[in-house]
Amino acid sequence: MLENESGTFDIGGDLTVTRLGFGAMRLTGEGIIGPPDNESEAKDVLRRAKELGIDLIDTADSYGPGVSERLIADAFGPDYEDVAVATKGGLWRTIEGDWPMCGEPDYLDNALMGSLDRLGVDSIDLYQFHRPDPDTPFEDSIERFAAFKDGGHVDHVGVSNVSVEQLEKARDTVEIATVQNEYNVGNRDSEAVLEACEEYDIGFIPWFPLGSGDLGEKSEAVSEVAEAHDATDQQVALAWLLQHSDVMLPIPGTSSADHLADNVAASQIDLSDEEMSRLTE
């Protein structure tokens, strides 16, 4: 059996997880709307992730919406032994496929209650503000997340899709345990945010860690390195993330147990300094 050899990271200083996690967005229906065609298979993928050494499952109330959280509860609840669940609030999903933002404190109250209910827990391991809402002062949204933590409903607070300035503002209000921004070997727009996370020992969760198969100008180099390791491009992209930063917590998602095993195998790839340099510079 493959093992997750990505090492560990202490989220918020006390929630120890293996660095290669699992993103549960793809366990929903087509277009991230509604349930999957086979819910039993979706739950089997979640359980298989745990068997392979993955103990950080990332989701959001907008995935489905509500579907991903419910499947996670069905697979692991009610005690969630040896599994940490990270979910998000502040973004919702419409039947038309839009992703409207809402950071109003009252809305966040309802979002949190819904996630607690679907997950079947009294407190969420990691609750993340999904995306800053331009129609709501950022500080108002973050203050509500701080209240969630003070009230015992959230163990750790994370932010997502933020700039360095927004991260600093959030840290002025509440301890920030993680940041989740788009990032991969071909898209380094959030490099400054990653550097801030390294400085503060904040976990950095890259979404789109595989770039949905498009790694831009790095695609050719990734393919060449992959061939040298008898690996796939996706595996090398994940291996690069894990070696690029000790605070990196990739969460590749899939609805396939075989693809899941391939992702975990990436944690066993050791890229040389020269290969890392080729992929980084």
C-alpha atoms as a PDB file:
ATOM      1  CA  MET A   1       0.000   0.000   0.000  1.00  0.00           C
ATOM      2  CA  LEU A   2       1.193   3.500  -0.811  1.00  0.00           C
ATOM      3  CA  GLU A   3       1.865   5.775   2.117  1.00  0.00           C
ATOM      4  CA  ASN A   4       1.604   9.534   2.324  1.00  0.00           C
ATOM      5  CA  GLU A   5       5.245  10.496   2.867  1.00  0.00           C
ATOM      6  CA  SER A   6       4.739  14.237   2.603  1.00  0.00           C
ATOM      7  CA  GLY A   7       5.643  14.925   6.227  1.00  0.00           C
ATOM      8  CA  THR A   8       3.459  16.818   8.653  1.00  0.00           C
ATOM      9  CA  PHE A   9       2.490  20.382   9.496  1.00  0.00           C
ATOM     10  CA  ASP A  10       0.963  21.767  12.694  1.00  0.00           C
ATOM     11  CA  ILE A  11      -2.010  23.911  11.673  1.00  0.00           C
ATOM     12  CA  GLY A  12      -2.342  26.675  14.237  1.00  0.00           C
ATOM     13  CA  GLY A  13       0.506  25.074  16.159  1.00  0.00           C
ATOM     14  CA  ASP A  14      -1.532  22.142  17.465  1.00  0.00           C
ATOM     15  CA  LEU A  15      -3.499  20.424  14.667  1.00  0.00           C
ATOM     16  CA  THR A  16      -0.983  18.019  13.141  1.00  0.00           C
ATOM     17  CA  VAL A  17      -1.819  16.833   9.619  1.00  0.00           C
ATOM     18  CA  THR A  18       0.039  15.156   6.796  1.00  0.00           C
ATOM     19  CA  ARG A  19       0.989  17.823   4.289  1.00  0.00           C
ATOM     20  CA  LEU A  20      -0.658  16.159   1.286  1.00  0.00           C
ATOM     21  CA  GLY A  21      -4.411  16.481   1.844  1.00  0.00           C
ATOM     22  CA  PHE A  22      -7.531  15.901  -0.216  1.00  0.00           C
ATOM     23  CA  GLY A  23      -9.890  18.403  -1.814  1.00  0.00           C
ATOM     24  CA  ALA A  24     -13.484  17.160  -1.853  1.00  0.00           C
ATOM     25  CA  MET A  25     -14.946  19.606  -4.378  1.00  0.00           C
ATOM     26  CA  ARG A  26     -15.000  17.044  -7.213  1.00  0.00           C
ATOM     27  CA  LEU A  27     -17.110  14.585  -5.223  1.00  0.00           C
ATOM     28  CA  THR A  28     -20.254  16.520  -6.153  1.00  0.00           C
ATOM     29  CA  GLY A  29     -22.298  16.453  -9.352  1.00  0.00           C
ATOM     30  CA  GLU A  30     -21.322  17.901 -12.694  1.00  0.00           C
ATOM     31  CA  GLY A  31     -20.435  21.570 -12.472  1.00  0.00           C
ATOM     32  CA  ILE A  32     -20.052  21.268  -8.672  1.00  0.00           C
ATOM     33  CA  ILE A  33     -23.861  21.230  -8.444  1.00  0.00           C
ATOM     34  CA  GLY A  34     -25.953  18.502  -6.844  1.00  0.00           C
ATOM     35  CA  PRO A  35     -24.933  15.008  -5.744  1.00  0.00           C
ATOM     36  CA  PRO A  36     -22.541  12.749  -7.651  1.00  0.00           C
ATOM     37  CA  ASP A  37     -23.886   9.971  -9.846  1.00  0.00           C
ATOM     38  CA  ASN A  38     -22.722   7.381  -7.301  1.00  0.00           C
ATOM     39  CA  GLU A  39     -22.629   8.578  -3.692  1.00  0.00           C
ATOM     40  CA  SER A  40     -21.326   5.232  -2.454  1.00  0.00           C
ATOM     41  CA  GLU A  41     -18.266   5.533  -4.687  1.00  0.00           C
ATOM     42  CA  ALA A  42     -17.698   9.099  -3.536  1.00  0.00           C
ATOM     43  CA  LYS A  43     -17.662   8.000   0.095  1.00  0.00           C
ATOM     44  CA  ASP A  44     -15.347   5.120  -0.785  1.00  0.00           C
ATOM     45  CA  VAL A  45     -12.872   7.635  -2.252  1.00  0.00           C
ATOM     46  CA  LEU A  46     -12.932   9.587   1.008  1.00  0.00           C
ATOM     47  CA  ARG A  47     -12.313   6.462   3.069  1.00  0.00           C
ATOM     48  CA  ARG A  48      -9.566   5.382   0.682  1.00  0.00           C
ATOM     49  CA  ALA A  49      -7.872   8.743   1.183  1.00  0.00           C
ATOM     50  CA  LYS A  50      -7.678   8.030   4.899  1.00  0.00           C
ATOM     51  CA  GLU A  51      -6.313   4.541   4.251  1.00  0.00           C
ATOM     52  CA  LEU A  52      -3.539   6.087   2.151  1.00  0.00           C
ATOM     53  CA  GLY A  53      -2.490   8.354   4.992  1.00  0.00           C
ATOM     54  CA  ILE A  54      -4.433  11.516   4.154  1.00  0.00           C
ATOM     55  CA  ASP A  55      -5.932  13.128   7.233  1.00  0.00           C
ATOM     56  CA  LEU A  56      -6.802  16.655   6.010  1.00  0.00           C
ATOM     57  CA  ILE A  57     -10.028  16.883   3.999  1.00  0.00           C
ATOM     58  CA  ASP A  58     -10.867  20.280   2.500  1.00  0.00           C
ATOM     59  CA  THR A  59     -14.374  21.258   1.436  1.00  0.00           C
ATOM     60  CA  ALA A  60     -16.834  24.182   1.446  1.00  0.00           C
ATOM     61  CA  ASP A  61     -20.533  24.736   2.010  1.00  0.00           C
ATOM     62  CA  SER A  62     -20.833  25.916  -1.620  1.00  0.00           C
ATOM     63  CA  TYR A  63     -19.713  22.581  -3.082  1.00  0.00           C
ATOM     64  CA  GLY A  64     -22.990  21.056  -4.175  1.00  0.00           C
ATOM     65  CA  PRO A  65     -24.013  23.231  -2.343  1.00  0.00           C
ATOM     66  CA  GLY A  66     -23.869  21.307   0.923  1.00  0.00           C
ATOM     67  CA  VAL A  67     -23.299  17.980  -0.843  1.00  0.00           C
ATOM     68  CA  SER A  68     -19.574  17.607  -0.165  1.00  0.00           C
ATOM     69  CA  GLU A  69     -19.943  18.310   3.553  1.00  0.00           C
ATOM     70  CA  ARG A  70     -22.757  15.766   3.860  1.00  0.00           C
ATOM     71  CA  LEU A  71     -20.737  13.071   2.080  1.00  0.00           C
ATOM     72  CA  ILE A  72     -17.795  13.705   4.408  1.00  0.00           C
ATOM     73  CA  ALA A  73     -20.080  13.314   7.421  1.00  0.00           C
ATOM     74  CA  ASP A  74     -21.487  10.076   6.003  1.00  0.00           C
ATOM     75  CA  ALA A  75     -17.976   8.729   5.405  1.00  0.00           C
ATOM     76  CA  PHE A  76     -16.322   9.720   8.680  1.00  0.00           C
ATOM     77  CA  GLY A  77     -18.879  10.975  11.204  1.00  0.00           C
ATOM     78  CA  PRO A  78     -19.764  11.282  13.918  1.00  0.00           C
ATOM     79  CA  ASP A  79     -16.354  11.063  15.641  1.00  0.00           C
ATOM     80  CA  TYR A  80     -14.031  11.838  12.675  1.00  0.00           C
ATOM     81  CA  GLU A  81     -11.269   9.767  14.241  1.00  0.00           C
ATOM     82  CA  ASP A  82      -7.872  10.812  12.861  1.00  0.00           C
ATOM     83  CA  VAL A  83      -9.411  13.071  10.202  1.00  0.00           C
ATOM     84  CA  ALA A  84      -9.318  16.883  10.238  1.00  0.00           C
ATOM     85  CA  VAL A  85     -12.002  18.665   8.223  1.00  0.00           C
ATOM     86  CA  ALA A  86     -11.476  22.135   6.756  1.00  0.00           C
ATOM     87  CA  THR A  87     -14.515  23.862   5.321  1.00  0.00           C
ATOM     88  CA  LYS A  88     -15.365  27.374   4.184  1.00  0.00           C
ATOM     89  CA  GLY A  89     -18.097  29.990   4.258  1.00  0.00           C
ATOM     90  CA  GLY A  90     -18.643  33.244   2.394  1.00  0.00           C
ATOM     91  CA  LEU A  91     -19.279  31.961  -1.113  1.00  0.00           C
ATOM     92  CA  TRP A  92     -22.433  30.321  -2.365  1.00  0.00           C
ATOM     93  CA  ARG A  93     -23.509  28.432  -5.455  1.00  0.00           C
ATOM     94  CA  THR A  94     -26.439  29.055  -7.767  1.00  0.00           C
ATOM     95  CA  ILE A  95     -28.245  26.582  -9.991  1.00  0.00           C
ATOM     96  CA  GLU A  96     -26.969  28.637 -12.946  1.00  0.00           C
ATOM     97  CA  GLY A  97     -23.408  27.862 -11.903  1.00  0.00           C
ATOM     98  CA  ASP A  98     -22.420  31.254 -10.476  1.00  0.00           C
ATOM     99  CA  TRP A  99     -20.341  31.769  -7.305  1.00  0.00           C
ATOM    100  CA  PRO A 100     -21.738  34.902  -5.584  1.00  0.00           C
ATOM    101  CA  MET A 101     -19.762  36.253  -2.632  1.00  0.00           C
ATOM    102  CA  CYS A 102     -21.284  37.192   0.698  1.00  0.00           C
ATOM    103  CA  GLY A 103     -19.212  38.240   3.682  1.00  0.00           C
ATOM    104  CA  GLU A 104     -22.024  39.849   5.687  1.00  0.00           C
ATOM    105  CA  PRO A 105     -21.718  38.742   9.325  1.00  0.00           C
ATOM    106  CA  ASP A 106     -25.353  37.561   9.535  1.00  0.00           C
ATOM    107  CA  TYR A 107     -24.885  35.453   6.412  1.00  0.00           C
ATOM    108  CA  LEU A 108     -21.698  33.972   7.858  1.00  0.00           C
ATOM    109  CA  ASP A 109     -23.631  33.046  11.017  1.00  0.00           C
ATOM    110  CA  ASN A 110     -26.054  31.018   8.927  1.00  0.00           C
ATOM    111  CA  ALA A 111     -23.264  29.503   6.843  1.00  0.00           C
ATOM    112  CA  LEU A 112     -21.462  28.304   9.954  1.00  0.00           C
ATOM    113  CA  MET A 113     -24.622  26.800  11.454  1.00  0.00           C
ATOM    114  CA  GLY A 114     -25.316  24.975   8.198  1.00  0.00           C
ATOM    115  CA  SER A 115     -21.806  23.526   8.047  1.00  0.00           C
ATOM    116  CA  LEU A 116     -21.902  22.442  11.690  1.00  0.00           C
ATOM    117  CA  ASP A 117     -25.213  20.708  11.066  1.00  0.00           C
ATOM    118  CA  ARG A 118     -24.182  18.945   7.861  1.00  0.00           C
ATOM    119  CA  LEU A 119     -20.854  17.819   9.290  1.00  0.00           C
ATOM    120  CA  GLY A 120     -22.517  16.768  12.542  1.00  0.00           C
ATOM    121  CA  VAL A 121     -19.951  18.468  14.769  1.00  0.00           C
ATOM    122  CA  ASP A 122     -19.952  21.013  17.582  1.00  0.00           C
ATOM    123  CA  SER A 123     -16.752  22.666  16.359  1.00  0.00           C
ATOM    124  CA  ILE A 124     -15.039  22.801  12.961  1.00  0.00           C
ATOM    125  CA  ASP A 125     -11.316  21.979  12.868  1.00  0.00           C
ATOM    126  CA  LEU A 126     -10.507  24.703  10.323  1.00  0.00           C
ATOM    127  CA  TYR A 127     -13.073  27.239   9.122  1.00  0.00           C
ATOM    128  CA  GLN A 128     -11.992  29.457   6.233  1.00  0.00           C
ATOM    129  CA  PHE A 129     -13.376  32.705   4.849  1.00  0.00           C
ATOM    130  CA  HIS A 130     -13.860  31.592   1.243  1.00  0.00           C
ATOM    131  CA  ARG A 131     -13.380  34.911  -0.539  1.00  0.00           C
ATOM    132  CA  PRO A 132     -13.375  38.593   0.479  1.00  0.00           C
ATOM    133  CA  ASP A 133     -16.660  40.286  -0.416  1.00  0.00           C
ATOM    134  CA  PRO A 134     -16.169  43.718  -2.029  1.00  0.00           C
ATOM    135  CA  ASP A 135     -19.607  44.778  -0.723  1.00  0.00           C
ATOM    136  CA  THR A 136     -18.742  44.030   2.921  1.00  0.00           C
ATOM    137  CA  PRO A 137     -15.824  45.534   4.862  1.00  0.00           C
ATOM    138  CA  PHE A 138     -13.188  42.820   5.140  1.00  0.00           C
ATOM    139  CA  GLU A 139     -12.657  43.579   8.813  1.00  0.00           C
ATOM    140  CA  ASP A 140     -16.368  42.973   9.570  1.00  0.00           C
ATOM    141  CA  SER A 141     -16.191  39.500   8.045  1.00  0.00           C
ATOM    142  CA  ILE A 142     -12.992  38.606   9.869  1.00  0.00           C
ATOM    143  CA  GLU A 143     -14.362  39.867  13.180  1.00  0.00           C
ATOM    144  CA  ARG A 144     -17.215  37.412  12.817  1.00  0.00           C
ATOM    145  CA  PHE A 145     -14.758  34.563  12.205  1.00  0.00           C
ATOM    146  CA  ALA A 146     -12.916  35.636  15.352  1.00  0.00           C
ATOM    147  CA  ALA A 147     -16.227  35.473  17.221  1.00  0.00           C
ATOM    148  CA  PHE A 148     -16.786  31.943  15.910  1.00  0.00           C
ATOM    149  CA  LYS A 149     -13.442  30.903  17.386  1.00  0.00           C
ATOM    150  CA  ASP A 150     -14.045  32.730  20.675  1.00  0.00           C
ATOM    151  CA  GLY A 151     -17.431  31.017  20.921  1.00  0.00           C
ATOM    152  CA  GLY A 152     -15.905  27.561  20.551  1.00  0.00           C
ATOM    153  CA  HIS A 153     -17.575  26.776  17.232  1.00  0.00           C
ATOM    154  CA  VAL A 154     -14.289  26.918  15.287  1.00  0.00           C
ATOM    155  CA  ASP A 155     -10.897  25.593  16.382  1.00  0.00           C
ATOM    156  CA  HIS A 156      -8.792  27.385  13.770  1.00  0.00           C
ATOM    157  CA  VAL A 157      -9.480  30.234  11.331  1.00  0.00           C
ATOM    158  CA  GLY A 158      -8.243  30.404   7.759  1.00  0.00           C
ATOM    159  CA  VAL A 159      -8.608  32.883   4.908  1.00  0.00           C
ATOM    160  CA  SER A 160      -8.742  32.261   1.186  1.00  0.00           C
ATOM    161  CA  ASN A 161      -8.085  34.272  -1.954  1.00  0.00           C
ATOM    162  CA  VAL A 162      -6.355  37.087  -0.075  1.00  0.00           C
ATOM    163  CA  SER A 163      -3.517  39.510  -0.683  1.00  0.00           C
ATOM    164  CA  VAL A 164      -0.647  40.084   1.717  1.00  0.00           C
ATOM    165  CA  GLU A 165      -2.371  43.277   2.896  1.00  0.00           C
ATOM    166  CA  GLN A 166      -5.598  41.396   3.621  1.00  0.00           C
ATOM    167  CA  LEU A 167      -3.686  38.671   5.437  1.00  0.00           C
ATOM    168  CA  GLU A 168      -2.059  41.284   7.650  1.00  0.00           C
ATOM    169  CA  LYS A 169      -5.445  42.863   8.400  1.00  0.00           C
ATOM    170  CA  ALA A 170      -6.890  39.482   9.303  1.00  0.00           C
ATOM    171  CA  ARG A 171      -3.954  38.728  11.612  1.00  0.00           C
ATOM    172  CA  ASP A 172      -4.651  41.967  13.466  1.00  0.00           C
ATOM    173  CA  THR A 173      -8.036  40.528  14.467  1.00  0.00           C
ATOM    174  CA  VAL A 174      -7.587  36.778  14.940  1.00  0.00           C
ATOM    175  CA  GLU A 175      -4.860  34.169  14.696  1.00  0.00           C
ATOM    176  CA  ILE A 176      -4.791  32.945  11.098  1.00  0.00           C
ATOM    177  CA  ALA A 177      -3.846  29.280  10.786  1.00  0.00           C
ATOM    178  CA  THR A 178      -3.981  28.859   6.998  1.00  0.00           C
ATOM    179  CA  VAL A 179      -4.253  30.719   3.719  1.00  0.00           C
ATOM    180  CA  GLN A 180      -5.807  29.096   0.649  1.00  0.00           C
ATOM    181  CA  ASN A 181      -4.929  30.808  -2.646  1.00  0.00           C
ATOM    182  CA  GLU A 182      -4.596  29.628  -6.236  1.00  0.00           C
ATOM    183  CA  TYR A 183      -1.031  28.450  -6.729  1.00  0.00           C
ATOM    184  CA  ASN A 184       0.874  25.846  -8.729  1.00  0.00           C
ATOM    185  CA  VAL A 185       4.164  25.387 -10.569  1.00  0.00           C
ATOM    186  CA  GLY A 186       2.772  27.366 -13.504  1.00  0.00           C
ATOM    187  CA  ASN A 187       0.974  30.085 -11.521  1.00  0.00           C
ATOM    188  CA  ARG A 188       3.031  31.820  -8.857  1.00  0.00           C
ATOM    189  CA  ASP A 189       0.940  34.987  -8.543  1.00  0.00           C
ATOM    190  CA  SER A 190       0.590  34.372  -4.785  1.00  0.00           C
ATOM    191  CA  GLU A 191       4.328  33.965  -4.148  1.00  0.00           C
ATOM    192  CA  ALA A 192       4.388  36.997  -1.851  1.00  0.00           C
ATOM    193  CA  VAL A 193       1.489  35.560   0.153  1.00  0.00           C
ATOM    194  CA  LEU A 194       3.337  32.239   0.437  1.00  0.00           C
ATOM    195  CA  GLU A 195       6.430  34.059   1.679  1.00  0.00           C
ATOM    196  CA  ALA A 196       4.338  35.793   4.346  1.00  0.00           C
ATOM    197  CA  CYS A 197       2.933  32.421   5.402  1.00  0.00           C
ATOM    198  CA  GLU A 198       6.461  31.050   5.715  1.00  0.00           C
ATOM    199  CA  GLU A 199       7.436  34.017   7.878  1.00  0.00           C
ATOM    200  CA  TYR A 200       4.471  33.516  10.233  1.00  0.00           C
ATOM    201  CA  ASP A 201       4.390  29.684  10.091  1.00  0.00           C
ATOM    202  CA  ILE A 202       0.933  29.761   8.527  1.00  0.00           C
ATOM    203  CA  GLY A 203      -0.153  26.780   6.438  1.00  0.00           C
ATOM    204  CA  PHE A 204      -0.501  27.580   2.724  1.00  0.00           C
ATOM    205  CA  ILE A 205      -3.159  25.536   0.916  1.00  0.00           C
ATOM    206  CA  PRO A 206      -2.797  25.881  -2.871  1.00  0.00           C
ATOM    207  CA  TRP A 207      -6.042  25.478  -4.762  1.00  0.00           C
ATOM    208  CA  PHE A 208      -5.780  24.328  -8.370  1.00  0.00           C
ATOM    209  CA  PRO A 209      -2.466  22.681  -7.344  1.00  0.00           C
ATOM    210  CA  LEU A 210      -2.380  20.937 -10.727  1.00  0.00           C
ATOM    211  CA  GLY A 211      -3.655  23.919 -12.706  1.00  0.00           C
ATOM    212  CA  SER A 212      -6.502  21.804 -14.066  1.00  0.00           C
ATOM    213  CA  GLY A 213      -3.919  20.226 -16.348  1.00  0.00           C
ATOM    214  CA  ASP A 214      -2.586  23.555 -17.647  1.00  0.00           C
ATOM    215  CA  LEU A 215       0.790  24.450 -16.130  1.00  0.00           C
ATOM    216  CA  GLY A 216       1.514  27.222 -18.595  1.00  0.00           C
ATOM    217  CA  GLU A 217       5.115  27.922 -19.533  1.00  0.00           C
ATOM    218  CA  LYS A 218       6.319  25.255 -17.101  1.00  0.00           C
ATOM    219  CA  SER A 219       4.462  22.440 -18.884  1.00  0.00           C
ATOM    220  CA  GLU A 220       7.424  21.320 -20.993  1.00  0.00           C
ATOM    221  CA  ALA A 221       9.861  21.306 -18.076  1.00  0.00           C
ATOM    222  CA  VAL A 222       7.392  19.393 -15.918  1.00  0.00           C
ATOM    223  CA  SER A 223       6.954  16.765 -18.634  1.00  0.00           C
ATOM    224  CA  GLU A 224      10.709  16.329 -19.014  1.00  0.00           C
ATOM    225  CA  VAL A 225      11.211  15.897 -15.267  1.00  0.00           C
ATOM    226  CA  ALA A 226       8.270  13.516 -15.111  1.00  0.00           C
ATOM    227  CA  GLU A 227       9.785  11.333 -17.839  1.00  0.00           C
ATOM    228  CA  ALA A 228      13.060  11.144 -15.896  1.00  0.00           C
ATOM    229  CA  HIS A 229      11.178   9.878 -12.838  1.00  0.00           C
ATOM    230  CA  ASP A 230       8.811   7.567 -14.758  1.00  0.00           C
ATOM    231  CA  ALA A 231       6.034   9.677 -13.264  1.00  0.00           C
ATOM    232  CA  THR A 232       3.112  11.721 -14.520  1.00  0.00           C
ATOM    233  CA  ASP A 233       3.162  15.481 -14.976  1.00  0.00           C
ATOM    234  CA  GLN A 234       0.609  15.779 -12.182  1.00  0.00           C
ATOM    235  CA  GLN A 235       2.797  13.822  -9.782  1.00  0.00           C
ATOM    236  CA  VAL A 236       5.792  16.029 -10.480  1.00  0.00           C
ATOM    237  CA  ALA A 237       3.666  19.163 -10.045  1.00  0.00           C
ATOM    238  CA  LEU A 238       2.605  17.908  -6.607  1.00  0.00           C
ATOM    239  CA  ALA A 239       6.138  16.865  -5.677  1.00  0.00           C
ATOM    240  CA  TRP A 240       7.367  20.357  -6.606  1.00  0.00           C
ATOM    241  CA  LEU A 241       4.787  21.952  -4.329  1.00  0.00           C
ATOM    242  CA  LEU A 242       5.758  19.749  -1.385  1.00  0.00           C
ATOM    243  CA  GLN A 243       9.475  20.500  -1.816  1.00  0.00           C
ATOM    244  CA  HIS A 244       9.037  24.181  -2.637  1.00  0.00           C
ATOM    245  CA  SER A 245       7.874  25.149   0.864  1.00  0.00           C
ATOM    246  CA  ASP A 246       7.574  23.457   4.243  1.00  0.00           C
ATOM    247  CA  VAL A 247       4.267  25.247   4.923  1.00  0.00           C
ATOM    248  CA  MET A 248       2.683  23.969   1.678  1.00  0.00           C
ATOM    249  CA  LEU A 249      -0.442  21.809   2.118  1.00  0.00           C
ATOM    250  CA  PRO A 250      -1.602  20.668  -1.349  1.00  0.00           C
ATOM    251  CA  ILE A 251      -5.169  19.330  -1.571  1.00  0.00           C
ATOM    252  CA  PRO A 252      -5.530  17.700  -5.004  1.00  0.00           C
ATOM    253  CA  GLY A 253      -9.054  16.459  -5.573  1.00  0.00           C
ATOM    254  CA  THR A 254     -10.435  13.576  -7.566  1.00  0.00           C
ATOM    255  CA  SER A 255     -13.476  11.333  -7.767  1.00  0.00           C
ATOM    256  CA  SER A 256     -11.329   8.307  -8.709  1.00  0.00           C
ATOM    257  CA  ALA A 257      -9.651   5.974  -6.213  1.00  0.00           C
ATOM    258  CA  ASP A 258      -6.952   5.116  -8.772  1.00  0.00           C
ATOM    259  CA  HIS A 259      -6.188   8.779  -9.410  1.00  0.00           C
ATOM    260  CA  LEU A 260      -6.098   9.312  -5.647  1.00  0.00           C
ATOM    261  CA  ALA A 261      -3.381   6.659  -5.306  1.00  0.00           C
ATOM    262  CA  ASP A 262      -1.396   8.346  -8.095  1.00  0.00           C
ATOM    263  CA  ASN A 263      -1.570  11.644  -6.216  1.00  0.00           C
ATOM    264  CA  VAL A 264      -0.327  10.063  -2.997  1.00  0.00           C
ATOM    265  CA  ALA A 265       2.555   8.463  -4.913  1.00  0.00           C
ATOM    266  CA  ALA A 266       3.776  11.992  -5.654  1.00  0.00           C
ATOM    267  CA  SER A 267       4.829  12.288  -2.011  1.00  0.00           C
ATOM    268  CA  GLN A 268       7.480   9.617  -2.694  1.00  0.00           C
ATOM    269  CA  ILE A 269       9.157  11.532  -5.532  1.00  0.00           C
ATOM    270  CA  ASP A 270      12.419  13.248  -4.577  1.00  0.00           C
ATOM    271  CA  LEU A 271      13.259  16.029  -7.010  1.00  0.00           C
ATOM    272  CA  SER A 272      16.916  17.001  -7.280  1.00  0.00           C
ATOM    273  CA  ASP A 273      18.145  20.522  -6.635  1.00  0.00           C
ATOM    274  CA  GLU A 274      18.667  20.951 -10.385  1.00  0.00           C
ATOM    275  CA  GLU A 275      15.121  19.785 -11.136  1.00  0.00           C
ATOM    276  CA  MET A 276      13.688  22.076  -8.492  1.00  0.00           C
ATOM    277  CA  SER A 277      15.641  24.970  -9.956  1.00  0.00           C
ATOM    278  CA  ARG A 278      14.386  24.220 -13.482  1.00  0.00           C
ATOM    279  CA  LEU A 279      10.780  24.145 -12.315  1.00  0.00           C
ATOM    280  CA  THR A 280      11.059  27.163 -10.012  1.00  0.00           C
ATOM    281  CA  GLU A 281      13.052  29.723 -12.001  1.00  0.00           C
END
